[in-house]
Amino acid sequence: MIEWLNRHFFGYLFIEMSGFSPERFLNMCTVHEIELWKVVNTGPTYQFFMTVPGFRKIKPLVRKSKVRLRILKKFGLPFFLYRNRRRKFYAAGFFGFFVIIYALSLFIWDIEFDGNRMYTYDTLLKYCESEQIRYGMQKSKIDCDALEESLRTSFPEITWVSARVSGTRLLVKIKENEVLSEIPVKDETPCDIVAEKDGIITSMIVRSGIPMVSVGDTITKGQVLVSSAIPIIGDSEEIVNTHYVHSEADIRAKTEYHEERKVPLYRKIDVETGKVRKGLYVKAFNTSFLLMRPRPDGTSWKKTMEEEQLHLFQNFYLPIYIGNITGKEFISYERPYTEEEKKQLADNINKEFEKKLLEKGVQILENRVKILDNESLCQITMDLITDEPVGRQEAFKIQTTEEQKETNHSDERN
């Protein structure tokens, strides 16, 4: 679409070529990146289309290849204006077009971020909108220095920002800090380590705290695995005090998962009929409209659209979007799953469930999948035996001696 607009805006020609070495001329045009299209060999001559800027560059190539060129037709805006140069309304429309282009050039119609990995495009764009920087605002109201400073202040991981206005675009280049900006503070709060789920301990490495279980023990959810309370033994082998620590340990256990999924016995099939409808989607500012034949009653269609923002030059974007819409008719029907399709469906569901477990650090030891059918549903059951981390830190509330004394005094008064 952009290429079509450029050709019509700057003009293009329909050329007939004859002479000594037309193939050499075509090869030299390719080497010099001069655009030719719809090249047809008519026998004694060649016919093709080329742009006006390209036609101005080929004089040396014509002389070297000893060919003759004859312009058969001229197309595009420059030739249209020349043919209608005496028509006042056309002249007014022509100058009005450039007035509109100039007016559009005073605003921002595209914002681009480059170098952002930690922060998404939507996050940065919403922040710019909160700073009153958005599509359609005047370029003169954008303070690039203030935008750079605010981005560095509001996003700690951004270490360098460069913002500039080019054409109708706001270009923001960003560098993010790949090193941790702060050293995490070590947590010293007393806590126990408790079991997250039932299982059998397979490995246990305790760095701080008192282990309450050992390898091979069966554990239940919520059971204390490592205690934060470390007793201090006196000379008479009696507990004289208790020291509380922040328990740390790597504990893994053999666990089980049972997962069930139910799917209908029938699957929906969409089959394309081969009928196609094509249309054009146009959006200007906040107004959009669709140019497409209405669909016949009682039919179903799938639509796809390719949208592109118009721009005259590299950085001269316009608030106009054009998209090509393709609609394909389809009919739907239902049929039972075949045995092979059931196995494939169960395999896909099983792999998806396995992927979620592996992302959590779960090691899968055994995996059994069963497919059971009833009158209305197909039931897929998955029984997995796994090995995974089961320890979870849980804060331990220390009851001080003073609190105990206050409690005792209140009891005596009662």
Protein backbone atom coordinates (compact mmCIF):
# COMPACT_ATOMS: atom_id res chain seq x y z
CA MET A 1 0.00 0.00 0.00
CA ILE A 2 2.81 2.45 0.90
CA GLU A 3 4.68 1.56 -2.29
CA TRP A 4 1.52 2.14 -4.35
CA LEU A 5 1.03 5.58 -2.78
CA ASN A 6 4.66 6.59 -3.40
CA ARG A 7 4.41 5.62 -7.07
CA HIS A 8 1.24 7.64 -7.60
CA PHE A 9 2.50 10.59 -5.56
CA PHE A 10 5.80 10.98 -7.42
CA GLY A 11 4.54 9.59 -10.74
CA TYR A 12 5.48 6.59 -12.88
CA LEU A 13 5.83 5.78 -16.57
CA PHE A 14 4.92 3.01 -19.02
CA ILE A 15 8.02 2.50 -21.18
CA GLU A 16 8.72 0.66 -24.43
CA MET A 17 12.36 -0.34 -25.00
CA SER A 18 14.10 -1.46 -28.19
CA GLY A 19 17.70 -1.52 -29.35
CA PHE A 20 20.93 -3.46 -29.32
CA SER A 21 21.22 -4.94 -25.80
CA PRO A 22 18.01 -4.69 -23.74
CA GLU A 23 19.10 -7.52 -21.40
CA ARG A 24 22.21 -5.57 -20.44
CA PHE A 25 20.06 -2.55 -19.67
CA LEU A 26 17.81 -4.61 -17.41
CA ASN A 27 20.81 -6.08 -15.58
CA MET A 28 22.34 -2.63 -15.03
CA CYS A 29 19.04 -1.37 -13.64
CA THR A 30 19.10 -4.23 -11.13
CA VAL A 31 22.70 -3.43 -10.12
CA HIS A 32 21.90 0.27 -9.66
CA GLU A 33 18.68 -0.58 -7.73
CA ILE A 34 16.41 1.15 -10.23
CA GLU A 35 12.91 -0.25 -9.82
CA LEU A 36 11.23 -1.85 -12.84
CA TRP A 37 8.04 -3.90 -12.68
CA LYS A 38 5.73 -5.83 -14.98
CA VAL A 39 8.51 -6.36 -17.53
CA VAL A 40 7.06 -8.03 -20.67
CA ASN A 41 8.95 -9.22 -23.75
CA THR A 42 6.71 -8.52 -26.75
CA GLY A 43 9.23 -9.86 -29.30
CA PRO A 44 11.06 -6.96 -30.88
CA THR A 45 10.61 -4.76 -27.80
CA TYR A 46 10.31 -4.83 -24.02
CA GLN A 47 7.58 -3.03 -22.11
CA PHE A 48 7.71 -2.18 -18.41
CA PHE A 49 6.80 0.37 -15.74
CA MET A 50 9.25 2.55 -13.85
CA THR A 51 9.15 5.53 -11.48
CA VAL A 52 9.90 9.10 -12.56
CA PRO A 53 12.91 9.39 -10.16
CA GLY A 54 14.25 6.14 -11.66
CA PHE A 55 13.77 7.45 -15.22
CA ARG A 56 15.95 10.46 -14.40
CA LYS A 57 18.84 8.15 -13.43
CA ILE A 58 18.97 5.86 -16.49
CA LYS A 59 20.51 8.16 -19.10
CA PRO A 60 24.05 6.71 -18.64
CA LEU A 61 22.63 3.17 -18.70
CA VAL A 62 20.77 3.85 -21.94
CA ARG A 63 23.94 5.15 -23.56
CA LYS A 64 26.03 2.14 -22.45
CA SER A 65 23.50 -0.50 -23.51
CA LYS A 66 22.58 1.29 -26.79
CA VAL A 67 18.83 1.01 -26.34
CA ARG A 68 16.02 3.40 -27.15
CA LEU A 69 13.20 4.21 -24.73
CA ARG A 70 9.80 5.56 -25.65
CA ILE A 71 7.26 6.75 -23.10
CA LEU A 72 3.86 5.25 -23.88
CA LYS A 73 1.86 6.54 -20.90
CA LYS A 74 2.32 8.73 -17.85
CA PHE A 75 0.62 8.11 -14.52
CA GLY A 76 0.49 9.72 -11.11
CA LEU A 77 -0.17 12.99 -9.33
CA PRO A 78 2.46 15.22 -11.09
CA PHE A 79 1.06 14.43 -14.56
CA PHE A 80 -2.53 14.75 -13.35
CA LEU A 81 -1.81 18.22 -11.98
CA TYR A 82 -0.05 19.26 -15.19
CA ARG A 83 -2.98 18.14 -17.34
CA ASN A 84 -5.39 20.02 -15.11
CA ARG A 85 -3.23 23.05 -14.38
CA ARG A 86 -5.87 25.46 -15.64
CA ARG A 87 -8.61 24.12 -13.40
CA LYS A 88 -8.87 26.36 -10.34
CA PHE A 89 -10.52 23.83 -8.04
CA TYR A 90 -7.82 21.26 -8.75
CA ALA A 91 -5.20 23.90 -7.98
CA ALA A 92 -6.96 24.82 -4.76
CA GLY A 93 -7.18 21.14 -3.78
CA PHE A 94 -3.50 20.66 -4.58
CA PHE A 95 -2.40 23.53 -2.36
CA GLY A 96 -4.94 22.50 0.27
CA PHE A 97 -3.33 19.07 0.37
CA PHE A 98 0.05 20.57 1.27
CA VAL A 99 -1.57 22.84 3.84
CA ILE A 100 -3.08 19.77 5.51
CA ILE A 101 0.26 17.95 5.38
CA TYR A 102 1.95 20.94 6.99
CA ALA A 103 -0.71 21.09 9.69
CA LEU A 104 -0.29 17.37 10.42
CA SER A 105 3.49 17.81 10.64
CA LEU A 106 3.03 19.98 13.74
CA PHE A 107 1.80 17.01 15.81
CA ILE A 108 3.14 13.68 17.07
CA TRP A 109 1.54 10.65 15.40
CA ASP A 110 3.91 7.86 16.46
CA ILE A 111 5.90 7.10 19.64
CA GLU A 112 8.70 4.53 19.51
CA PHE A 113 10.79 3.05 22.34
CA ASP A 114 14.10 1.34 21.60
CA GLY A 115 16.25 -0.72 23.98
CA ASN A 116 13.55 -1.53 26.56
CA ARG A 117 13.59 -5.13 27.76
CA MET A 118 12.56 -4.96 31.40
CA TYR A 119 9.72 -2.50 30.83
CA THR A 120 7.13 -3.22 28.14
CA TYR A 121 6.03 -0.81 25.44
CA ASP A 122 2.57 -0.48 27.02
CA THR A 123 4.07 0.34 30.44
CA LEU A 124 6.26 3.13 29.03
CA LEU A 125 3.46 4.46 26.83
CA LYS A 126 1.04 4.66 29.78
CA TYR A 127 3.68 6.50 31.78
CA CYS A 128 4.14 9.01 28.94
CA GLU A 129 0.37 9.54 28.85
CA SER A 130 0.40 10.23 32.61
CA GLU A 131 3.01 12.91 31.84
CA GLN A 132 0.65 14.43 29.22
CA ILE A 133 2.69 13.06 26.31
CA ARG A 134 0.45 11.21 23.88
CA TYR A 135 -0.47 10.72 20.24
CA GLY A 136 -1.81 13.85 18.57
CA MET A 137 -0.13 16.40 20.84
CA GLN A 138 1.79 19.38 19.45
CA LYS A 139 5.49 18.83 18.99
CA SER A 140 6.27 22.23 20.47
CA LYS A 141 4.81 21.15 23.84
CA ILE A 142 7.21 18.21 24.24
CA ASP A 143 10.15 18.86 26.56
CA CYS A 144 12.58 16.05 25.73
CA ASP A 145 14.97 16.93 28.58
CA ALA A 146 12.16 16.79 31.14
CA LEU A 147 10.93 13.47 29.69
CA GLU A 148 14.42 11.97 29.94
CA GLU A 149 14.77 13.08 33.57
CA SER A 150 11.33 11.80 34.58
CA LEU A 151 11.92 8.39 32.97
CA ARG A 152 15.22 7.96 34.82
CA THR A 153 13.59 9.00 38.10
CA SER A 154 10.43 6.89 37.79
CA PHE A 155 12.13 3.71 36.49
CA PRO A 156 15.20 2.83 38.63
CA GLU A 157 16.48 0.21 36.20
CA ILE A 158 16.76 2.77 33.36
CA THR A 159 20.27 4.24 33.44
CA TRP A 160 20.28 6.28 30.22
CA VAL A 161 17.55 7.91 28.12
CA SER A 162 17.67 9.89 24.89
CA ALA A 163 14.45 11.45 23.57
CA ARG A 164 14.11 13.41 20.35
CA VAL A 165 11.42 14.46 17.91
CA SER A 166 11.99 13.48 14.28
CA GLY A 167 9.31 14.34 11.76
CA THR A 168 6.02 13.36 13.36
CA ARG A 169 7.62 10.73 15.62
CA LEU A 170 8.87 10.80 19.19
CA LEU A 171 11.89 8.51 19.38
CA VAL A 172 12.99 7.38 22.86
CA LYS A 173 16.16 5.30 23.23
CA ILE A 174 16.69 3.53 26.53
CA LYS A 175 19.48 1.62 28.26
CA GLU A 176 18.60 -0.55 31.22
CA ASN A 177 20.83 -1.64 34.06
CA GLU A 178 21.54 -5.37 33.78
CA VAL A 179 23.15 -5.51 37.24
CA LEU A 180 21.15 -5.48 40.46
CA SER A 181 20.78 -1.86 41.60
CA GLU A 182 20.55 -2.89 45.27
CA ILE A 183 22.03 -5.74 47.30
CA PRO A 184 19.12 -7.63 48.84
CA VAL A 185 18.99 -7.40 52.64
CA LYS A 186 19.30 -10.76 54.34
CA ASP A 187 16.18 -11.72 56.26
CA GLU A 188 16.98 -12.61 59.88
CA THR A 189 13.37 -12.97 61.09
CA PRO A 190 12.91 -16.22 63.08
CA CYS A 191 10.94 -18.75 61.11
CA ASP A 192 10.28 -22.48 60.83
CA ILE A 193 10.22 -24.53 57.66
CA VAL A 194 6.96 -26.43 57.20
CA ALA A 195 5.81 -28.94 54.58
CA GLU A 196 3.82 -27.55 51.67
CA LYS A 197 2.27 -30.95 50.88
CA ASP A 198 2.31 -34.65 51.79
CA GLY A 199 5.23 -36.81 50.74
CA ILE A 200 8.29 -38.86 51.64
CA ILE A 201 11.59 -37.03 52.31
CA THR A 202 14.21 -37.89 49.65
CA SER A 203 16.93 -35.35 50.45
CA MET A 204 17.53 -32.79 53.17
CA ILE A 205 20.27 -30.18 53.59
CA VAL A 206 19.81 -27.93 56.65
CA ARG A 207 21.88 -24.74 56.86
CA SER A 208 20.28 -23.24 59.97
CA GLY A 209 17.69 -24.54 62.42
CA ILE A 210 17.00 -27.91 64.04
CA PRO A 211 15.78 -30.70 61.68
CA MET A 212 12.62 -32.38 62.96
CA VAL A 213 12.53 -35.13 60.29
CA SER A 214 15.05 -37.16 58.34
CA VAL A 215 15.39 -38.75 54.92
CA GLY A 216 12.79 -41.50 54.43
CA ASP A 217 10.21 -40.02 56.83
CA THR A 218 6.62 -39.55 55.71
CA ILE A 219 5.43 -35.96 56.11
CA THR A 220 2.05 -34.24 55.96
CA LYS A 221 1.11 -30.76 54.80
CA GLY A 222 1.79 -28.14 57.51
CA GLN A 223 4.19 -30.33 59.50
CA VAL A 224 7.28 -28.57 60.90
CA LEU A 225 10.36 -29.90 59.11
CA VAL A 226 12.99 -27.56 60.52
CA SER A 227 12.48 -25.71 63.81
CA SER A 228 13.83 -22.24 64.44
CA ALA A 229 14.07 -22.85 68.21
CA ILE A 230 17.58 -23.89 69.26
CA PRO A 231 17.73 -24.88 72.95
CA ILE A 232 20.71 -23.78 75.05
CA ILE A 233 21.77 -26.53 77.49
CA GLY A 234 23.35 -25.64 80.82
CA ASP A 235 25.95 -27.53 82.84
CA SER A 236 23.25 -29.63 84.49
CA GLU A 237 22.02 -30.64 81.05
CA GLU A 238 18.85 -28.59 81.47
CA ILE A 239 17.44 -26.08 78.97
CA VAL A 240 18.35 -22.67 80.36
CA ASN A 241 17.33 -20.59 77.32
CA THR A 242 16.17 -20.82 73.73
CA HIS A 243 17.74 -19.08 70.74
CA TYR A 244 15.58 -18.46 67.66
CA VAL A 245 17.06 -18.38 64.15
CA HIS A 246 15.94 -17.87 60.57
CA SER A 247 15.69 -21.49 59.36
CA GLU A 248 17.18 -22.30 55.97
CA ALA A 249 17.15 -25.70 54.28
CA ASP A 250 16.79 -27.47 50.94
CA ILE A 251 14.24 -30.25 51.39
CA ARG A 252 12.87 -32.44 48.62
CA ALA A 253 10.24 -35.12 48.89
CA LYS A 254 8.59 -37.75 46.76
CA THR A 255 5.05 -36.49 46.06
CA GLU A 256 2.00 -37.41 44.01
CA TYR A 257 -0.27 -35.47 41.66
CA HIS A 258 -3.69 -36.51 40.44
CA GLU A 259 -5.18 -34.38 37.67
CA GLU A 260 -8.45 -34.82 35.78
CA ARG A 261 -9.63 -33.09 32.62
CA LYS A 262 -13.02 -33.53 31.00
CA VAL A 263 -13.62 -32.82 27.32
CA PRO A 264 -16.72 -33.36 25.13
CA LEU A 265 -16.91 -36.55 23.09
CA TYR A 266 -17.58 -34.49 19.95
CA ARG A 267 -15.24 -31.96 18.39
CA LYS A 268 -16.19 -28.97 16.26
CA ILE A 269 -14.71 -28.91 12.76
CA ASP A 270 -14.51 -25.75 10.64
CA VAL A 271 -14.16 -26.35 6.90
CA GLU A 272 -13.53 -23.52 4.45
CA THR A 273 -15.83 -23.45 1.43
CA GLY A 274 -13.39 -21.56 -0.79
CA LYS A 275 -15.45 -18.37 -0.94
CA VAL A 276 -13.47 -15.22 -0.15
CA ARG A 277 -14.50 -11.61 0.50
CA LYS A 278 -11.94 -8.83 0.52
CA GLY A 279 -12.30 -5.33 1.85
CA LEU A 280 -10.47 -2.24 3.01
CA TYR A 281 -10.26 -0.89 6.54
CA VAL A 282 -9.49 2.80 7.02
CA LYS A 283 -8.94 4.61 10.31
CA ALA A 284 -8.29 8.36 10.56
CA PHE A 285 -7.83 9.86 14.02
CA ASN A 286 -10.58 8.18 16.12
CA THR A 287 -12.90 7.47 13.20
CA SER A 288 -12.83 4.20 11.30
CA PHE A 289 -14.94 2.61 8.61
CA LEU A 290 -14.99 -0.65 6.69
CA LEU A 291 -15.34 -1.02 2.96
CA MET A 292 -16.51 -4.60 2.43
CA ARG A 293 -19.47 -6.36 0.89
CA PRO A 294 -21.97 -7.52 3.56
CA ARG A 295 -21.96 -11.21 4.26
CA PRO A 296 -24.94 -13.27 3.07
CA ASP A 297 -27.45 -14.24 5.75
CA GLY A 298 -26.91 -17.60 7.41
CA THR A 299 -23.18 -17.82 6.57
CA SER A 300 -20.10 -17.83 8.82
CA TRP A 301 -16.82 -16.10 8.00
CA LYS A 302 -13.36 -15.81 9.49
CA LYS A 303 -11.69 -12.43 9.04
CA THR A 304 -8.03 -11.49 9.09
CA MET A 305 -6.66 -7.96 8.82
CA GLU A 306 -3.23 -6.50 8.08
CA GLU A 307 -3.00 -2.92 9.35
CA GLU A 308 -0.31 -0.39 8.49
CA GLN A 309 0.18 3.24 9.48
CA LEU A 310 0.71 5.54 6.51
CA HIS A 311 3.87 7.61 6.28
CA LEU A 312 5.24 9.78 3.50
CA PHE A 313 8.89 9.47 4.56
CA GLN A 314 10.80 7.46 7.13
CA ASN A 315 9.82 9.66 10.09
CA PHE A 316 6.79 11.50 8.67
CA TYR A 317 3.93 9.37 10.00
CA LEU A 318 0.29 10.27 9.47
CA PRO A 319 -2.73 9.62 11.75
CA ILE A 320 -4.16 7.34 9.09
CA TYR A 321 -4.21 3.55 9.21
CA ILE A 322 -5.10 1.34 6.26
CA GLY A 323 -5.70 -2.37 6.48
CA ASN A 324 -6.59 -5.12 4.05
CA ILE A 325 -9.32 -7.42 5.33
CA THR A 326 -9.79 -10.95 4.03
CA GLY A 327 -12.89 -12.94 4.91
CA LYS A 328 -13.11 -16.69 4.31
CA GLU A 329 -16.41 -18.54 4.50
CA PHE A 330 -16.54 -21.73 6.55
CA ILE A 331 -19.10 -24.27 7.67
CA SER A 332 -19.03 -26.07 11.02
CA TYR A 333 -20.08 -29.54 12.01
CA GLU A 334 -19.46 -31.89 14.90
CA ARG A 335 -18.11 -35.41 14.85
CA PRO A 336 -16.79 -37.83 17.50
CA TYR A 337 -13.11 -37.89 18.35
CA THR A 338 -11.24 -40.81 16.82
CA GLU A 339 -9.11 -43.00 19.11
CA GLU A 340 -5.98 -41.47 17.63
CA GLU A 341 -7.28 -37.94 18.23
CA LYS A 342 -8.13 -38.82 21.85
CA LYS A 343 -4.59 -40.05 22.41
CA GLN A 344 -3.17 -36.91 20.82
CA LEU A 345 -5.45 -34.70 22.93
CA ALA A 346 -4.47 -36.53 26.11
CA ASP A 347 -0.81 -36.26 25.16
CA ASN A 348 -1.11 -32.49 24.60
CA ILE A 349 -2.91 -31.98 27.93
CA ASN A 350 -0.32 -34.12 29.70
CA LYS A 351 2.61 -32.21 28.18
CA GLU A 352 1.05 -28.89 29.15
CA PHE A 353 0.62 -30.07 32.75
CA GLU A 354 4.18 -31.43 32.83
CA LYS A 355 5.52 -28.10 31.55
CA LYS A 356 3.86 -26.21 34.42
CA LEU A 357 5.37 -28.61 36.96
CA LEU A 358 8.85 -28.44 35.46
CA GLU A 359 8.74 -24.64 35.60
CA LYS A 360 8.24 -24.95 39.38
CA GLY A 361 11.31 -27.18 39.76
CA VAL A 362 9.36 -30.44 39.99
CA GLN A 363 11.13 -33.57 38.78
CA ILE A 364 8.76 -36.14 37.23
CA LEU A 365 9.56 -39.75 38.15
CA GLU A 366 6.48 -41.56 36.80
CA ASN A 367 3.57 -40.48 34.65
CA ARG A 368 0.44 -42.56 33.96
CA VAL A 369 -2.30 -41.27 31.66
CA LYS A 370 -5.73 -42.90 31.30
CA ILE A 371 -8.61 -42.12 28.94
CA LEU A 372 -12.11 -43.00 30.14
CA ASP A 373 -15.32 -42.47 28.15
CA ASN A 374 -18.86 -42.13 29.42
CA GLU A 375 -22.11 -41.14 27.72
CA SER A 376 -21.36 -37.43 27.36
CA LEU A 377 -17.70 -36.75 28.22
CA CYS A 378 -14.21 -38.05 27.73
CA GLN A 379 -12.28 -38.05 31.00
CA ILE A 380 -8.49 -37.83 30.94
CA THR A 381 -6.76 -38.68 34.23
CA MET A 382 -3.07 -38.15 34.97
CA ASP A 383 -1.30 -39.74 37.94
CA LEU A 384 2.23 -38.46 38.46
CA ILE A 385 4.88 -39.42 40.98
CA THR A 386 7.30 -36.53 41.40
CA ASP A 387 10.26 -35.26 43.38
CA GLU A 388 10.06 -31.59 44.36
CA PRO A 389 10.99 -28.98 46.99
CA VAL A 390 8.43 -29.11 49.81
CA GLY A 391 9.82 -26.69 52.40
CA ARG A 392 8.11 -23.34 53.01
CA GLN A 393 9.25 -20.72 55.49
CA GLU A 394 6.68 -19.76 58.10
CA ALA A 395 7.22 -16.92 60.57
CA PHE A 396 7.64 -18.00 64.19
CA LYS A 397 6.10 -15.73 66.82
CA ILE A 398 8.31 -15.53 69.89
CA GLN A 399 6.52 -15.15 73.23
CA THR A 400 8.79 -13.14 75.52
CA THR A 401 9.19 -13.68 79.29
CA GLU A 402 7.65 -10.26 80.09
CA GLU A 403 4.50 -11.19 78.14
CA GLN A 404 4.28 -14.43 80.11
CA LYS A 405 4.65 -12.58 83.46
CA GLU A 406 1.92 -10.10 82.51
CA THR A 407 -0.34 -12.99 81.63
CA ASN A 408 0.38 -14.70 84.98
CA HIS A 409 -0.31 -11.48 86.97
CA SER A 410 -3.64 -10.98 85.23
CA ASP A 411 -4.62 -14.57 86.01
CA GLU A 412 -3.78 -14.10 89.75
CA ARG A 413 -5.88 -10.93 89.97
CA ASN A 414 -8.85 -12.76 88.59
